Amino acid sequence: MFTGIVTAVGTVSAVDPAGDERRITIDAGRLDTDDVAVGDSIAVDGVCLTVVNHGHGCLSFDVSGETLACTTLGERGTGDEVNLEAAMLPTTRLGGHLVSGHVDGVGRVSARWREGSCERFTIEVPAGLEQYIARKGSLCVSGVSLTVNDVSGREVGLNVIPHTLQATNFARLSAGARVNIEVDIIARYLERLLQGGSAGSVD
């Protein structure tokens, strides 16, 4: 589990294809890798990945074809910046919200504009996810826990403060950019309880 509080921005240093899969190596930047071990979980742009190799401040991950198809990681190349967060500890402050790192879909930035010292974003989420998003609720966008300002159909309004812009790769997001979306896991479980366990079932 994660909190959606990004602790470092890493840089993709290598992408090695292996059939339908890829091994992605990331320069972890300011992320403390001293206690990272093979098998640990790291959220990369909001996607929970397992460390398969590490050393000299770099982390390597094997990314399955399913993950490449369902997230933005398949679009990442050498030099691209990614948001990083190590898995939370029992003693971690939950400054954001509970994030699983299991992306629900890929959204698109439809607008961005400045408002005072902040940046406002409008993001179009994939069809079917809007029902899990509520005004003043939480949404994870490319690994960043954000508070929802407003919702209109599939359009979600977000306000990003200067600190978040500096601490993540959001400063480089512009209209048309694709972002990983994970809805609040509590909304998912509430739906399943209310529907008597039928939510998410396959016909």
Protein backbone atom coordinates (compact mmCIF):
# COMPACT_ATOMS: atom_id res chain seq x y z
CA MET A 1 0.00 0.00 0.00
CA PHE A 2 0.98 3.62 -0.60
CA THR A 3 -0.16 7.07 0.49
CA GLY A 4 0.00 9.02 -2.77
CA ILE A 5 2.63 11.34 -1.30
CA VAL A 6 5.43 11.28 -3.87
CA THR A 7 8.87 11.27 -2.27
CA ALA A 8 11.04 11.63 -5.37
CA VAL A 9 10.98 12.16 -9.12
CA GLY A 10 13.07 9.56 -10.91
CA THR A 11 14.37 9.45 -14.48
CA VAL A 12 14.07 6.46 -16.81
CA SER A 13 17.65 5.47 -17.66
CA ALA A 14 16.96 2.33 -19.72
CA VAL A 15 14.08 0.43 -21.30
CA ASP A 16 14.88 -3.13 -22.37
CA PRO A 17 12.20 -5.02 -24.31
CA ALA A 18 11.68 -8.72 -23.59
CA GLY A 19 8.94 -10.02 -25.83
CA ASP A 20 5.67 -8.43 -24.72
CA GLU A 21 7.32 -7.26 -21.51
CA ARG A 22 9.91 -4.63 -20.64
CA ARG A 23 12.57 -4.13 -18.01
CA ILE A 24 12.60 -0.50 -16.98
CA THR A 25 15.54 0.93 -15.06
CA ILE A 26 15.05 4.20 -13.21
CA ASP A 27 17.54 6.58 -11.64
CA ALA A 28 15.76 7.01 -8.31
CA GLY A 29 16.93 10.59 -7.77
CA ARG A 30 16.25 11.69 -4.19
CA LEU A 31 14.48 8.46 -3.22
CA ASP A 32 16.36 6.80 -0.36
CA THR A 33 17.34 3.39 -1.76
CA ASP A 34 19.62 2.34 1.11
CA ASP A 35 16.98 0.03 2.59
CA VAL A 36 15.39 -1.04 -0.71
CA ALA A 37 15.73 -4.76 -1.42
CA VAL A 38 14.89 -6.98 -4.36
CA GLY A 39 11.21 -7.87 -4.01
CA ASP A 40 10.18 -4.53 -2.49
CA SER A 41 7.26 -2.59 -3.95
CA ILE A 42 7.69 0.89 -5.42
CA ALA A 43 4.94 3.00 -6.97
CA VAL A 44 6.12 4.34 -10.35
CA ASP A 45 3.72 6.99 -11.64
CA GLY A 46 1.15 5.31 -9.44
CA VAL A 47 1.82 1.76 -10.65
CA CYS A 48 2.92 -0.77 -8.03
CA LEU A 49 6.06 -2.49 -9.35
CA THR A 50 8.45 -5.00 -7.81
CA VAL A 51 12.17 -4.24 -7.60
CA VAL A 52 14.13 -6.93 -9.48
CA ASN A 53 17.56 -5.28 -9.32
CA HIS A 54 19.12 -2.23 -7.72
CA GLY A 55 22.45 -0.51 -7.27
CA HIS A 56 24.17 2.87 -7.63
CA GLY A 57 20.91 4.70 -6.97
CA CYS A 58 19.03 2.90 -9.76
CA LEU A 59 16.08 0.53 -9.54
CA SER A 60 14.99 -2.02 -12.17
CA PHE A 61 11.50 -3.41 -12.67
CA ASP A 62 10.02 -6.05 -14.96
CA VAL A 63 6.76 -4.71 -16.40
CA SER A 64 4.24 -7.19 -17.79
CA GLY A 65 2.39 -6.77 -21.05
CA GLU A 66 -0.85 -6.33 -19.10
CA THR A 67 0.60 -3.45 -17.09
CA LEU A 68 2.06 -1.83 -20.22
CA ALA A 69 -1.34 -2.00 -21.89
CA CYS A 70 -3.34 -0.68 -18.92
CA THR A 71 -1.10 2.19 -17.79
CA THR A 72 1.14 4.90 -19.22
CA LEU A 73 4.34 2.93 -18.51
CA GLY A 74 4.34 1.58 -22.06
CA GLU A 75 4.83 5.15 -23.26
CA ARG A 76 7.83 5.88 -21.07
CA GLY A 77 11.27 6.14 -22.64
CA THR A 78 14.81 7.07 -21.66
CA GLY A 79 14.93 10.50 -20.04
CA ASP A 80 11.27 10.59 -18.99
CA GLU A 81 10.53 11.60 -15.43
CA VAL A 82 8.34 9.44 -13.17
CA ASN A 83 6.87 9.91 -9.72
CA LEU A 84 8.24 7.51 -7.09
CA GLU A 85 6.99 6.37 -3.70
CA ALA A 86 8.17 3.45 -1.58
CA ALA A 87 5.53 1.24 0.04
CA MET A 88 4.20 2.61 3.31
CA LEU A 89 5.29 1.30 6.72
CA PRO A 90 2.97 0.70 9.71
CA THR A 91 4.43 3.88 11.21
CA THR A 92 4.01 6.03 8.08
CA ARG A 93 1.94 9.20 8.38
CA LEU A 94 -1.05 8.82 6.06
CA GLY A 95 -0.75 12.30 4.58
CA GLY A 96 -2.64 11.41 1.42
CA HIS A 97 -5.06 8.47 1.21
CA LEU A 98 -4.83 4.70 0.89
CA VAL A 99 -3.46 3.87 -2.56
CA SER A 100 -2.99 0.31 -3.81
CA GLY A 101 -0.90 1.05 -6.90
CA HIS A 102 -3.39 -0.89 -9.03
CA VAL A 103 -4.32 1.56 -11.78
CA ASP A 104 -8.00 1.62 -12.81
CA GLY A 105 -7.42 3.30 -16.16
CA VAL A 106 -5.65 6.01 -18.11
CA GLY A 107 -7.10 9.51 -18.13
CA ARG A 108 -6.27 12.57 -20.20
CA VAL A 109 -5.47 16.15 -19.18
CA SER A 110 -8.06 18.21 -21.05
CA ALA A 111 -7.14 21.63 -19.63
CA ARG A 112 -4.58 23.38 -17.44
CA TRP A 113 -4.48 26.97 -16.28
CA ARG A 114 -2.95 29.10 -13.54
CA GLU A 115 -5.08 30.33 -10.67
CA GLY A 116 -3.16 32.45 -8.19
CA SER A 117 -0.04 30.52 -7.14
CA CYS A 118 -1.63 27.19 -8.04
CA GLU A 119 -2.31 25.29 -11.23
CA ARG A 120 -5.79 24.01 -12.04
CA PHE A 121 -6.20 20.82 -14.04
CA THR A 122 -9.23 19.26 -15.70
CA ILE A 123 -8.81 15.55 -16.32
CA GLU A 124 -11.12 13.32 -18.32
CA VAL A 125 -11.29 9.91 -16.66
CA PRO A 126 -12.14 6.65 -18.45
CA ALA A 127 -15.82 5.82 -18.80
CA GLY A 128 -17.17 4.03 -15.75
CA LEU A 129 -14.77 5.54 -13.22
CA GLU A 130 -16.69 8.77 -12.68
CA GLN A 131 -19.14 6.99 -10.35
CA TYR A 132 -16.33 6.42 -7.85
CA ILE A 133 -15.23 10.06 -7.74
CA ALA A 134 -16.83 12.63 -5.44
CA ARG A 135 -16.30 16.35 -4.85
CA LYS A 136 -13.84 16.79 -1.95
CA GLY A 137 -12.98 13.10 -2.18
CA SER A 138 -9.57 11.65 -3.04
CA LEU A 139 -8.16 10.64 -6.41
CA CYS A 140 -4.72 9.26 -7.27
CA VAL A 141 -3.29 10.73 -10.49
CA SER A 142 0.02 9.23 -11.64
CA GLY A 143 0.82 8.33 -8.06
CA VAL A 144 -0.19 11.68 -6.54
CA SER A 145 -2.97 11.88 -3.97
CA LEU A 146 -5.19 14.84 -4.82
CA THR A 147 -8.44 16.30 -3.52
CA VAL A 148 -11.21 16.55 -6.10
CA ASN A 149 -12.50 20.11 -6.53
CA ASP A 150 -15.45 19.27 -8.74
CA VAL A 151 -16.87 16.54 -10.96
CA SER A 152 -18.94 17.01 -14.11
CA GLY A 153 -19.61 13.75 -15.90
CA ARG A 154 -16.18 12.33 -16.73
CA GLU A 155 -14.43 15.70 -16.20
CA VAL A 156 -12.64 16.06 -12.85
CA GLY A 157 -11.31 19.39 -11.60
CA LEU A 158 -8.13 19.43 -9.51
CA ASN A 159 -6.11 22.15 -7.81
CA VAL A 160 -2.35 21.55 -7.56
CA ILE A 161 -0.35 23.64 -5.10
CA PRO A 162 3.21 24.89 -5.87
CA HIS A 163 4.83 22.31 -3.57
CA THR A 164 3.19 19.42 -5.41
CA LEU A 165 4.26 20.89 -8.75
CA GLN A 166 7.87 21.01 -7.53
CA ALA A 167 7.84 17.57 -5.87
CA THR A 168 6.28 15.63 -8.77
CA ASN A 169 6.37 15.52 -12.57
CA PHE A 170 3.14 17.53 -12.77
CA ALA A 171 5.02 20.66 -13.80
CA ARG A 172 5.52 19.04 -17.21
CA LEU A 173 1.90 17.97 -17.72
CA SER A 174 0.00 19.81 -20.42
CA ALA A 175 -3.31 19.41 -22.23
CA GLY A 176 -3.40 16.05 -23.98
CA ALA A 177 -1.06 14.30 -21.53
CA ARG A 178 -2.14 10.81 -20.43
CA VAL A 179 -2.12 10.02 -16.71
CA ASN A 180 -2.70 6.94 -14.57
CA ILE A 181 -5.92 7.02 -12.56
CA GLU A 182 -6.69 5.07 -9.39
CA VAL A 183 -10.00 5.77 -7.67
CA ASP A 184 -10.45 5.64 -3.91
CA ILE A 185 -10.36 1.98 -2.90
CA ILE A 186 -13.01 2.63 -0.23
CA ALA A 187 -15.51 3.63 -2.95
CA ARG A 188 -14.83 0.32 -4.69
CA TYR A 189 -15.56 -1.73 -1.58
CA LEU A 190 -18.65 0.32 -0.72
CA GLU A 191 -20.08 -0.40 -4.16
CA ARG A 192 -19.48 -4.11 -3.74
CA LEU A 193 -21.13 -4.14 -0.32
CA LEU A 194 -24.15 -2.18 -1.54
CA GLN A 195 -24.59 -4.46 -4.52
CA GLY A 196 -24.34 -7.61 -2.45
CA GLY A 197 -21.04 -8.72 -3.93
CA SER A 198 -22.17 -8.47 -7.57
CA ALA A 199 -20.06 -5.38 -8.38
CA GLY A 200 -17.22 -6.14 -10.72
CA SER A 201 -18.55 -9.56 -11.60
CA VAL A 202 -18.12 -10.82 -15.14
CA ASP A 203 -21.29 -11.74 -17.08
